[in-house]
Amino acid sequence: MKQELCRLVNVSVSDKNETFLQQINLYLLKHERLAIVGLHGSGKSVLAHTIAGLRPCSSGNIIWNGIDREHIYSIKHQPGCFYINAASMLVPSLSIADNVVSLGEHKPGLLYNQKVACEITNEIFNRLDIQINPRTSISQLTMFEALIVQIAKAIYNRSELVIVDSSRQPLVIEELSVLKRVIEVCSDQAFIYISNADDLVSQYCDRVVVMQSGRISGVLYKDNYDSEELTRYITGYYNENRFTQQRAKKTLYPSHPVLEISNANRICPTIKHQLDITVNVGEIVGIINTSTYVGDDFLRAIEHRNYQGIIKINNKPVANYREAVKAGLGLIHMSNPKSQLFRCFDGEENLTFLTLKRISNWGFVDKQIRNFIFSFFYDKIFRSKFSDSKVWYQIQMIFYRWVSNNPKVLVLDLILTGLHPICQKEFINMLLEQVDEGVGILILSNSLTECYDICDRIYILNQGSTTPQVESRCSERRNLI
């Protein structure tokens, strides 16, 4: 029988009259894999911070290896626990080996041998089946590679518990597969995995704890894991009326397709995949696949990279991405908003020079027109309560940049991922304003709970299926899962 590693007894966390956690009772066994899943703002990251000792609890007790937290809370963080999130706890200017071995272990007066550090790091990477040069600088790594380095550091420090928080930087399907394999190999550590949705890693875990509004709404075990039940715990709803249309359409534009993708087949002998998608005027459509990430497939189809098929935008066939944009396509990636803005330009230049059509042979923009457009969108952007958030500001900047081009259809890739719930609500209102103007919206996601509440129709790509199934929101819940 496994021993108990950690137990939370009636733990609550509050600050400035705002409650984040309410009466949490939870236990964790040694070497156990536990997933904590919930929507943004459900309290799962606060719970992880509390377990790791990064945030004190307002009431209740946390027992670690049979010892009450109150007796050891003078330590900065919980001993034996290693917390990992998108904000890497690594020194960018140092190498991987220096971060894994030397930091926190190098004592004053003790000679440090970098060759030995590289050998130790290589041994850990070989155990994890990871191919990364330990002499590589941290600044040259991707976000996911930095996460793997932190796990290697936790293994070297012999941490009993590793908490991986991916809620702010969701992982793609390839990264989830690697992380699942790494967790399987690390048999000496217990793992807590924080996620926004049902994915490969959460399905692998021994238990899945679902958070909602600062409380534990349900617990699922690996033996009786059910995606339908998980979604009910996450959202708090389980009835077909949830999928009925609650938004009254105000658009008066005649209904016709603004985006048509038919017989889009991937050119690959080992993978058979087909996209048949239609988006009408003033309609919000979602594409969801809970087992793989559909964004890359759709983008490849739009750009005609390794795909064959017919793509029409506003009844005009397009042969490449440039023609699609000219026909009225607006494409917004949320995985990296900075990549869609020119860093050398300020907000005004991003909103004007990058959106207005050339009105002279030299590409100059009339100053009066430029100032008028910027003042109009500036008011919209800074009207938000979260205008001081850099990511939220970038998302609005990109959104209004496309809107100023009068698009026929907007394609949003992971649009709500990582946003605060209030920001999500404001962004949905921004989308509805465009829908009322007759713009078609297509949302790409790998989470049903992210977009089902705002979509008129949802395309579900079943695992192993070559043709997507179209279900309306009035369909039964079990058909959508």
Protein backbone atom coordinates (compact mmCIF):
# COMPACT_ATOMS: atom_id res chain seq x y z
CA MET A 1 0.00 0.00 0.00
CA LYS A 2 1.35 3.42 -0.96
CA GLN A 3 2.23 5.87 1.78
CA GLU A 4 0.63 9.29 2.00
CA LEU A 5 2.87 12.15 0.91
CA CYS A 6 0.67 15.20 1.43
CA ARG A 7 -2.79 15.98 2.81
CA LEU A 8 -4.82 19.19 2.77
CA VAL A 9 -7.40 19.55 5.55
CA ASN A 10 -10.08 22.26 5.15
CA VAL A 11 -7.66 24.57 3.35
CA SER A 12 -8.96 28.01 2.32
CA VAL A 13 -7.10 30.87 0.64
CA SER A 14 -8.38 34.44 0.57
CA ASP A 15 -6.88 37.88 0.09
CA LYS A 16 -8.43 41.36 0.29
CA ASN A 17 -12.00 40.08 0.68
CA GLU A 18 -11.57 37.78 -2.34
CA THR A 19 -11.72 34.01 -1.85
CA PHE A 20 -9.62 31.77 -4.09
CA LEU A 21 -9.98 28.38 -2.37
CA GLN A 22 -12.79 27.16 -0.15
CA GLN A 23 -12.57 24.17 2.20
CA ILE A 24 -10.23 22.01 0.11
CA ASN A 25 -9.73 18.45 1.35
CA LEU A 26 -7.23 16.51 -0.75
CA TYR A 27 -4.58 13.84 -0.32
CA LEU A 28 -1.62 12.77 -2.46
CA LEU A 29 0.16 9.43 -2.26
CA LYS A 30 3.85 8.88 -2.89
CA HIS A 31 4.69 8.17 -6.55
CA GLU A 32 1.10 9.04 -7.54
CA ARG A 33 0.15 10.91 -10.71
CA LEU A 34 -2.54 13.48 -9.97
CA ALA A 35 -4.14 15.84 -12.51
CA ILE A 36 -5.93 19.05 -11.48
CA VAL A 37 -8.22 20.25 -14.27
CA GLY A 38 -10.52 23.26 -14.53
CA LEU A 39 -11.42 26.37 -16.46
CA HIS A 40 -9.46 29.60 -16.13
CA GLY A 41 -10.07 31.18 -12.74
CA SER A 42 -11.24 27.92 -11.13
CA GLY A 43 -8.44 28.02 -8.54
CA LYS A 44 -6.26 25.15 -9.74
CA SER A 45 -3.03 27.20 -9.96
CA VAL A 46 -3.69 28.74 -6.53
CA LEU A 47 -4.09 25.21 -5.17
CA ALA A 48 -0.76 24.20 -6.72
CA HIS A 49 0.95 27.28 -5.21
CA THR A 50 -0.50 26.41 -1.81
CA ILE A 51 0.70 22.80 -1.97
CA ALA A 52 4.17 23.93 -3.03
CA GLY A 53 4.37 26.40 -0.17
CA LEU A 54 4.53 29.42 -2.48
CA ARG A 55 1.31 30.81 -1.02
CA PRO A 56 0.15 30.59 2.62
CA CYS A 57 -3.32 29.28 3.37
CA SER A 58 -5.76 31.48 5.27
CA SER A 59 -7.20 28.56 7.22
CA GLY A 60 -6.77 24.82 7.46
CA ASN A 61 -3.73 22.58 7.67
CA ILE A 62 -1.32 21.05 5.15
CA ILE A 63 0.37 17.89 6.36
CA TRP A 64 3.58 16.88 4.58
CA ASN A 65 4.99 13.43 5.39
CA GLY A 66 3.06 13.45 8.65
CA ILE A 67 4.37 16.90 9.71
CA ASP A 68 2.10 19.93 9.94
CA ARG A 69 3.12 22.75 7.60
CA GLU A 70 2.99 25.22 10.51
CA HIS A 71 6.18 23.74 11.98
CA ILE A 72 8.24 24.10 8.79
CA TYR A 73 6.71 27.15 7.11
CA SER A 74 9.74 29.29 7.90
CA ILE A 75 11.36 27.65 4.87
CA LYS A 76 10.79 29.61 1.64
CA HIS A 77 9.20 26.70 -0.20
CA GLN A 78 7.94 23.28 0.69
CA PRO A 79 10.92 20.89 1.10
CA GLY A 80 10.92 18.07 -1.43
CA CYS A 81 8.51 19.88 -3.76
CA PHE A 82 9.42 21.41 -7.13
CA TYR A 83 6.98 23.76 -8.88
CA ILE A 84 7.25 24.24 -12.67
CA ASN A 85 5.29 26.61 -14.88
CA ALA A 86 5.68 28.57 -18.12
CA ALA A 87 7.67 31.29 -16.35
CA SER A 88 10.89 29.30 -16.22
CA MET A 89 12.78 29.28 -12.90
CA LEU A 90 16.06 29.08 -14.80
CA VAL A 91 18.91 31.52 -15.47
CA PRO A 92 18.81 32.28 -19.24
CA SER A 93 22.48 33.23 -19.51
CA LEU A 94 23.74 29.91 -18.11
CA SER A 95 23.87 26.50 -19.77
CA ILE A 96 21.48 23.63 -19.10
CA ALA A 97 24.08 21.76 -17.04
CA ASP A 98 24.77 24.83 -14.90
CA ASN A 99 21.08 25.25 -14.18
CA VAL A 100 20.43 21.58 -13.44
CA VAL A 101 23.47 20.80 -11.28
CA SER A 102 25.13 23.91 -9.91
CA LEU A 103 22.25 26.20 -8.93
CA GLY A 104 21.14 25.43 -5.42
CA GLU A 105 23.80 22.74 -4.97
CA HIS A 106 27.08 24.56 -5.48
CA LYS A 107 28.43 25.37 -2.01
CA PRO A 108 30.91 28.20 -1.42
CA GLY A 109 34.49 27.05 -1.50
CA LEU A 110 33.66 23.92 -3.46
CA LEU A 111 35.25 23.62 -6.90
CA TYR A 112 32.72 23.33 -9.67
CA ASN A 113 33.52 20.95 -12.56
CA GLN A 114 31.39 21.73 -15.61
CA LYS A 115 32.42 18.51 -17.34
CA VAL A 116 31.02 16.47 -14.47
CA ALA A 117 27.86 18.59 -14.50
CA CYS A 118 27.38 17.86 -18.22
CA GLU A 119 27.84 14.13 -17.60
CA ILE A 120 25.26 14.16 -14.82
CA THR A 121 22.80 16.10 -16.98
CA ASN A 122 23.38 13.73 -19.90
CA GLU A 123 22.59 10.75 -17.67
CA ILE A 124 19.28 12.31 -16.66
CA PHE A 125 18.40 13.18 -20.27
CA ASN A 126 19.26 9.65 -21.43
CA ARG A 127 16.96 8.29 -18.75
CA LEU A 128 14.19 10.56 -19.98
CA ASP A 129 15.01 9.80 -23.65
CA ILE A 130 15.56 13.51 -24.35
CA GLN A 131 18.10 14.68 -26.93
CA ILE A 132 19.35 18.11 -25.78
CA ASN A 133 22.95 19.28 -25.56
CA PRO A 134 23.62 20.11 -21.87
CA ARG A 135 25.99 22.92 -22.91
CA THR A 136 23.17 24.76 -24.69
CA SER A 137 22.20 28.11 -23.19
CA ILE A 138 18.74 28.35 -21.63
CA SER A 139 17.97 31.40 -23.77
CA GLN A 140 18.14 29.19 -26.89
CA LEU A 141 15.50 26.73 -25.70
CA THR A 142 11.79 26.66 -26.43
CA MET A 143 9.27 26.99 -23.62
CA PHE A 144 8.66 23.24 -23.56
CA GLU A 145 12.38 22.39 -23.59
CA ALA A 146 12.83 24.72 -20.60
CA LEU A 147 10.05 22.79 -18.85
CA ILE A 148 11.88 19.51 -19.47
CA VAL A 149 15.09 21.03 -18.08
CA GLN A 150 13.21 21.98 -14.91
CA ILE A 151 11.97 18.40 -14.55
CA ALA A 152 15.57 17.20 -14.92
CA LYS A 153 16.58 19.67 -12.20
CA ALA A 154 13.84 18.29 -9.93
CA ILE A 155 15.14 14.76 -10.53
CA TYR A 156 18.69 15.82 -9.68
CA ASN A 157 17.47 17.47 -6.46
CA ARG A 158 15.60 14.24 -5.61
CA SER A 159 12.30 16.05 -5.18
CA GLU A 160 9.46 13.91 -3.88
CA LEU A 161 6.79 15.94 -5.66
CA VAL A 162 6.93 17.71 -9.05
CA ILE A 163 4.13 20.11 -9.95
CA VAL A 164 3.82 20.89 -13.68
CA ASP A 165 1.52 23.86 -14.35
CA SER A 166 0.64 24.09 -18.05
CA SER A 167 -2.53 26.17 -17.60
CA ARG A 168 -0.95 29.43 -18.81
CA GLN A 169 1.00 27.91 -21.69
CA PRO A 170 -1.01 24.97 -23.07
CA LEU A 171 1.02 22.25 -24.79
CA VAL A 172 0.45 20.90 -28.30
CA ILE A 173 -0.14 17.22 -28.94
CA GLU A 174 3.51 16.40 -29.68
CA GLU A 175 4.66 18.06 -26.46
CA LEU A 176 1.97 16.29 -24.45
CA SER A 177 3.19 12.94 -25.77
CA VAL A 178 6.77 13.72 -24.70
CA LEU A 179 5.64 14.94 -21.27
CA LYS A 180 3.54 11.81 -20.77
CA ARG A 181 6.57 9.65 -21.55
CA VAL A 182 8.77 11.67 -19.17
CA ILE A 183 6.26 11.31 -16.33
CA GLU A 184 6.06 7.56 -16.94
CA VAL A 185 9.85 7.26 -16.61
CA CYS A 186 10.07 9.29 -13.38
CA SER A 187 8.86 6.54 -11.08
CA ASP A 188 10.59 7.95 -7.97
CA GLN A 189 8.58 11.18 -7.93
CA ALA A 190 4.93 12.03 -7.44
CA PHE A 191 3.51 14.36 -10.08
CA ILE A 192 0.73 16.95 -10.04
CA TYR A 193 -0.28 18.09 -13.52
CA ILE A 194 -2.28 21.32 -13.89
CA SER A 195 -4.31 21.67 -17.09
CA ASN A 196 -7.27 23.53 -18.59
CA ALA A 197 -8.69 20.61 -20.52
CA ASP A 198 -8.92 16.90 -21.08
CA ASP A 199 -5.63 15.81 -22.72
CA LEU A 200 -3.21 12.87 -22.97
CA VAL A 201 -1.43 13.57 -19.69
CA SER A 202 -4.58 14.00 -17.60
CA GLN A 203 -5.99 10.77 -19.07
CA TYR A 204 -2.80 8.97 -18.03
CA CYS A 205 -2.91 10.17 -14.40
CA ASP A 206 -4.14 7.94 -11.59
CA ARG A 207 -6.67 10.53 -10.45
CA VAL A 208 -8.18 13.67 -11.97
CA VAL A 209 -9.38 16.36 -9.56
CA VAL A 210 -11.72 18.91 -11.14
CA MET A 211 -11.80 22.48 -9.80
CA GLN A 212 -14.67 24.93 -10.15
CA SER A 213 -14.97 28.34 -8.43
CA GLY A 214 -12.34 27.54 -5.83
CA ARG A 215 -13.85 24.18 -4.87
CA ILE A 216 -13.34 20.55 -5.86
CA SER A 217 -16.36 19.70 -7.99
CA GLY A 218 -15.45 16.09 -8.71
CA VAL A 219 -12.81 13.36 -8.75
CA LEU A 220 -12.30 10.78 -11.50
CA TYR A 221 -10.10 7.70 -11.25
CA LYS A 222 -8.14 6.14 -14.07
CA ASP A 223 -10.24 2.98 -14.08
CA ASN A 224 -13.54 4.85 -14.61
CA TYR A 225 -12.25 7.87 -16.56
CA ASP A 226 -15.01 9.45 -18.65
CA SER A 227 -14.59 12.62 -20.74
CA GLU A 228 -18.32 13.28 -20.58
CA GLU A 229 -18.33 13.18 -16.80
CA LEU A 230 -15.18 15.32 -16.69
CA THR A 231 -16.80 18.05 -18.80
CA ARG A 232 -19.84 18.02 -16.51
CA TYR A 233 -17.61 18.56 -13.48
CA ILE A 234 -15.67 21.33 -15.23
CA THR A 235 -18.65 23.35 -16.46
CA GLY A 236 -21.25 22.43 -13.87
CA TYR A 237 -23.83 21.74 -16.58
CA TYR A 238 -25.20 18.51 -17.95
CA ASN A 239 -28.23 19.09 -20.12
CA GLU A 240 -28.92 19.60 -23.78
CA ASN A 241 -30.40 23.06 -23.15
CA ARG A 242 -26.88 24.31 -22.52
CA PHE A 243 -26.27 23.88 -26.24
CA THR A 244 -29.35 25.75 -27.40
CA GLN A 245 -28.76 29.10 -29.02
CA GLN A 246 -28.93 31.84 -26.38
CA ARG A 247 -27.71 34.68 -28.60
CA ALA A 248 -30.34 36.32 -30.77
CA LYS A 249 -28.90 37.00 -34.19
CA LYS A 250 -29.02 40.67 -35.09
CA THR A 251 -27.35 40.44 -38.48
CA LEU A 252 -29.59 41.25 -41.42
CA TYR A 253 -27.14 40.02 -44.06
CA PRO A 254 -28.36 37.20 -46.37
CA SER A 255 -27.03 33.82 -45.33
CA HIS A 256 -24.37 32.36 -47.61
CA PRO A 257 -21.01 30.60 -47.03
CA VAL A 258 -18.03 32.89 -46.43
CA LEU A 259 -15.62 29.96 -45.95
CA GLU A 260 -15.80 26.58 -47.66
CA ILE A 261 -13.20 23.83 -47.38
CA SER A 262 -14.06 20.63 -49.20
CA ASN A 263 -12.10 17.42 -49.75
CA ALA A 264 -8.96 18.84 -48.12
CA ASN A 265 -6.78 15.74 -47.88
CA ARG A 266 -3.35 15.60 -46.32
CA ILE A 267 -0.68 14.37 -48.75
CA CYS A 268 0.77 11.62 -46.59
CA PRO A 269 0.60 7.87 -47.29
CA THR A 270 0.41 6.90 -43.60
CA ILE A 271 -2.21 9.42 -42.42
CA LYS A 272 -5.68 9.77 -43.87
CA HIS A 273 -7.36 12.99 -42.86
CA GLN A 274 -10.08 15.02 -44.53
CA LEU A 275 -11.48 18.47 -43.79
CA ASP A 276 -14.96 19.51 -44.96
CA ILE A 277 -15.90 22.81 -43.31
CA THR A 278 -18.47 25.51 -44.01
CA VAL A 279 -18.87 28.86 -42.22
CA ASN A 280 -21.83 31.09 -43.10
CA VAL A 281 -22.38 34.83 -42.73
CA GLY A 282 -22.78 35.92 -39.09
CA GLU A 283 -22.09 32.43 -37.75
CA ILE A 284 -19.68 31.15 -35.07
CA VAL A 285 -18.34 27.67 -35.80
CA GLY A 286 -15.93 25.60 -33.72
CA ILE A 287 -13.55 22.78 -34.69
CA ILE A 288 -12.60 20.54 -31.80
CA ASN A 289 -10.56 17.38 -31.48
CA THR A 290 -9.86 16.20 -27.95
CA SER A 291 -7.13 13.76 -29.03
CA THR A 292 -5.04 15.88 -31.43
CA TYR A 293 -4.46 19.52 -32.23
CA VAL A 294 -6.42 20.67 -35.29
CA GLY A 295 -4.93 24.14 -35.69
CA ASP A 296 -1.85 23.01 -37.61
CA ASP A 297 -3.95 20.89 -39.99
CA PHE A 298 -6.26 23.77 -40.80
CA LEU A 299 -3.42 26.25 -41.29
CA ARG A 300 -1.62 23.85 -43.62
CA ALA A 301 -4.83 23.47 -45.62
CA ILE A 302 -5.23 27.26 -45.92
CA GLU A 303 -1.60 27.64 -47.02
CA HIS A 304 -1.88 24.56 -49.30
CA ARG A 305 1.16 22.96 -47.68
CA ASN A 306 0.94 19.16 -48.06
CA TYR A 307 -2.80 19.42 -48.71
CA GLN A 308 -5.08 18.91 -51.70
CA GLY A 309 -8.61 20.23 -51.92
CA ILE A 310 -10.86 23.18 -52.69
CA ILE A 311 -10.92 26.30 -50.50
CA LYS A 312 -13.34 29.16 -51.17
CA ILE A 313 -13.60 32.44 -49.29
CA ASN A 314 -16.70 34.50 -50.07
CA ASN A 315 -17.33 32.17 -53.06
CA LYS A 316 -13.86 32.88 -54.49
CA PRO A 317 -11.43 29.95 -54.89
CA VAL A 318 -8.04 30.66 -53.31
CA ALA A 319 -4.76 28.93 -54.11
CA ASN A 320 -2.53 30.25 -51.33
CA TYR A 321 -2.49 32.24 -48.11
CA ARG A 322 -1.95 35.59 -49.84
CA GLU A 323 -5.02 35.13 -52.02
CA ALA A 324 -7.02 34.05 -48.98
CA VAL A 325 -6.18 37.28 -47.13
CA LYS A 326 -7.11 39.37 -50.16
CA ALA A 327 -10.43 37.52 -50.41
CA GLY A 328 -11.31 38.42 -46.81
CA LEU A 329 -9.55 35.94 -44.45
CA GLY A 330 -8.37 37.13 -41.04
CA LEU A 331 -6.13 34.68 -39.15
CA ILE A 332 -5.19 35.16 -35.51
CA HIS A 333 -2.76 32.85 -33.68
CA MET A 334 -2.91 32.99 -29.91
CA SER A 335 0.01 30.65 -29.23
CA ASN A 336 2.45 33.54 -29.74
CA PRO A 337 0.81 36.97 -30.16
CA LYS A 338 4.17 38.77 -30.34
CA SER A 339 5.04 37.00 -33.59
CA GLN A 340 2.17 38.82 -35.34
CA LEU A 341 3.32 42.31 -34.37
CA PHE A 342 6.35 44.28 -35.44
CA ARG A 343 8.40 44.79 -32.31
CA CYS A 344 10.17 47.82 -33.78
CA PHE A 345 6.80 49.62 -34.20
CA ASP A 346 4.67 51.07 -31.45
CA GLY A 347 0.95 50.43 -31.09
CA GLU A 348 -0.04 53.27 -33.42
CA GLU A 349 2.19 52.07 -36.23
CA ASN A 350 1.03 48.46 -35.82
CA LEU A 351 -2.59 49.56 -36.10
CA THR A 352 -2.17 51.89 -39.07
CA PHE A 353 0.76 51.04 -41.32
CA LEU A 354 0.03 47.32 -41.14
CA THR A 355 -3.68 47.59 -41.87
CA LEU A 356 -4.28 50.41 -44.34
CA LYS A 357 -3.97 49.70 -48.03
CA ARG A 358 -1.39 51.66 -49.93
CA ILE A 359 -2.93 54.93 -51.14
CA SER A 360 0.12 56.08 -53.05
CA ASN A 361 2.92 54.52 -55.04
CA TRP A 362 5.34 55.22 -52.20
CA GLY A 363 3.18 53.61 -49.56
CA PHE A 364 2.67 56.77 -47.49
CA VAL A 365 -0.45 57.04 -45.35
CA ASP A 366 -2.27 60.32 -44.92
CA LYS A 367 -1.58 61.58 -41.39
CA GLN A 368 -5.20 62.58 -40.79
CA ILE A 369 -6.52 59.15 -41.78
CA ARG A 370 -3.84 57.48 -39.71
CA ASN A 371 -4.66 59.49 -36.57
CA PHE A 372 -8.41 58.99 -37.02
CA ILE A 373 -8.17 55.20 -37.27
CA PHE A 374 -5.73 54.95 -34.39
CA SER A 375 -7.86 57.15 -32.11
CA PHE A 376 -10.91 54.98 -32.89
CA PHE A 377 -9.23 51.68 -32.05
CA TYR A 378 -7.19 53.18 -29.21
CA ASP A 379 -10.42 53.95 -27.37
CA LYS A 380 -11.61 50.39 -27.86
CA ILE A 381 -8.36 48.80 -26.67
CA PHE A 382 -7.89 50.83 -23.52
CA ARG A 383 -11.54 50.68 -22.57
CA SER A 384 -10.85 47.25 -21.06
CA LYS A 385 -10.19 46.84 -17.34
CA PHE A 386 -7.22 44.63 -18.22
CA SER A 387 -5.56 47.08 -20.60
CA ASP A 388 -2.42 46.92 -18.46
CA SER A 389 -1.96 43.24 -19.34
CA LYS A 390 0.58 42.95 -22.13
CA VAL A 391 -0.87 39.73 -23.57
CA TRP A 392 -4.41 41.12 -23.50
CA TYR A 393 -3.21 44.34 -25.16
CA GLN A 394 -1.44 42.35 -27.90
CA ILE A 395 -4.53 40.22 -28.56
CA GLN A 396 -6.73 43.29 -28.97
CA MET A 397 -4.11 44.96 -31.15
CA ILE A 398 -4.01 41.95 -33.49
CA PHE A 399 -7.80 41.58 -33.49
CA TYR A 400 -8.53 45.19 -34.43
CA ARG A 401 -5.73 45.14 -36.97
CA TRP A 402 -7.60 42.42 -38.86
CA VAL A 403 -11.00 44.03 -38.25
CA SER A 404 -9.87 47.28 -39.89
CA ASN A 405 -9.37 45.29 -43.12
CA ASN A 406 -13.11 44.42 -43.20
CA PRO A 407 -12.65 40.61 -43.25
CA LYS A 408 -15.33 38.19 -44.38
CA VAL A 409 -14.24 35.42 -42.02
CA LEU A 410 -12.01 35.41 -38.91
CA VAL A 411 -10.14 32.23 -37.96
CA LEU A 412 -9.11 32.17 -34.30
CA ASP A 413 -6.46 29.68 -33.18
CA LEU A 414 -6.59 28.90 -29.41
CA ILE A 415 -8.14 32.31 -28.93
CA LEU A 416 -9.30 32.00 -25.29
CA THR A 417 -6.36 30.02 -23.96
CA GLY A 418 -4.57 31.69 -21.07
CA LEU A 419 -6.93 34.66 -20.79
CA HIS A 420 -8.48 35.82 -17.54
CA PRO A 421 -12.24 35.05 -17.40
CA ILE A 422 -13.10 38.77 -17.55
CA CYS A 423 -10.86 39.16 -20.61
CA GLN A 424 -12.54 36.13 -22.19
CA LYS A 425 -15.95 37.71 -21.66
CA GLU A 426 -14.82 41.00 -23.20
CA PHE A 427 -13.29 39.22 -26.17
CA ILE A 428 -16.49 37.24 -26.77
CA ASN A 429 -18.39 40.54 -26.86
CA MET A 430 -15.87 41.79 -29.43
CA LEU A 431 -16.57 38.70 -31.54
CA LEU A 432 -20.33 39.15 -31.28
CA GLU A 433 -19.98 42.72 -32.55
CA GLN A 434 -18.29 41.36 -35.68
CA VAL A 435 -20.92 38.63 -36.04
CA ASP A 436 -23.62 41.30 -36.03
CA GLU A 437 -21.76 42.91 -38.93
CA GLY A 438 -21.97 39.67 -40.92
CA VAL A 439 -18.46 38.33 -40.28
CA GLY A 440 -18.13 34.56 -40.02
CA ILE A 441 -16.06 33.23 -37.08
CA LEU A 442 -14.18 29.93 -37.01
CA ILE A 443 -12.61 28.87 -33.68
CA LEU A 444 -9.92 26.18 -33.59
CA SER A 445 -9.47 24.45 -30.26
CA ASN A 446 -8.58 21.17 -28.60
CA SER A 447 -10.94 21.77 -25.67
CA LEU A 448 -14.71 21.44 -25.80
CA THR A 449 -15.18 23.58 -22.71
CA GLU A 450 -13.31 26.51 -24.30
CA CYS A 451 -15.76 27.41 -27.04
CA TYR A 452 -18.93 25.30 -26.88
CA ASP A 453 -20.92 28.02 -25.13
CA ILE A 454 -20.53 30.59 -27.94
CA CYS A 455 -20.62 28.39 -31.06
CA ASP A 456 -23.65 27.94 -33.31
CA ARG A 457 -22.20 24.72 -34.72
CA ILE A 458 -19.31 22.50 -33.67
CA TYR A 459 -17.23 20.19 -35.85
CA ILE A 460 -16.04 17.21 -33.84
CA LEU A 461 -13.09 15.28 -35.31
CA ASN A 462 -13.28 11.83 -33.78
CA GLN A 463 -10.06 9.95 -33.14
CA GLY A 464 -9.28 7.65 -36.04
CA SER A 465 -12.06 9.12 -38.19
CA THR A 466 -11.30 10.49 -41.64
CA THR A 467 -14.42 12.64 -41.88
CA PRO A 468 -15.50 15.19 -39.25
CA GLN A 469 -18.95 14.93 -37.72
CA VAL A 470 -21.05 18.08 -37.53
CA GLU A 471 -23.26 18.45 -34.46
CA SER A 472 -25.50 21.38 -33.61
CA ARG A 473 -25.59 22.80 -30.11
CA CYS A 474 -29.07 21.39 -29.59
CA SER A 475 -27.68 17.85 -29.86
CA GLU A 476 -27.25 15.65 -26.87
CA ARG A 477 -24.11 15.98 -24.83
CA ARG A 478 -22.93 12.42 -25.37
CA ASN A 479 -22.83 12.93 -29.14
CA LEU A 480 -20.44 15.86 -28.82
CA ILE A 481 -17.92 14.15 -26.57
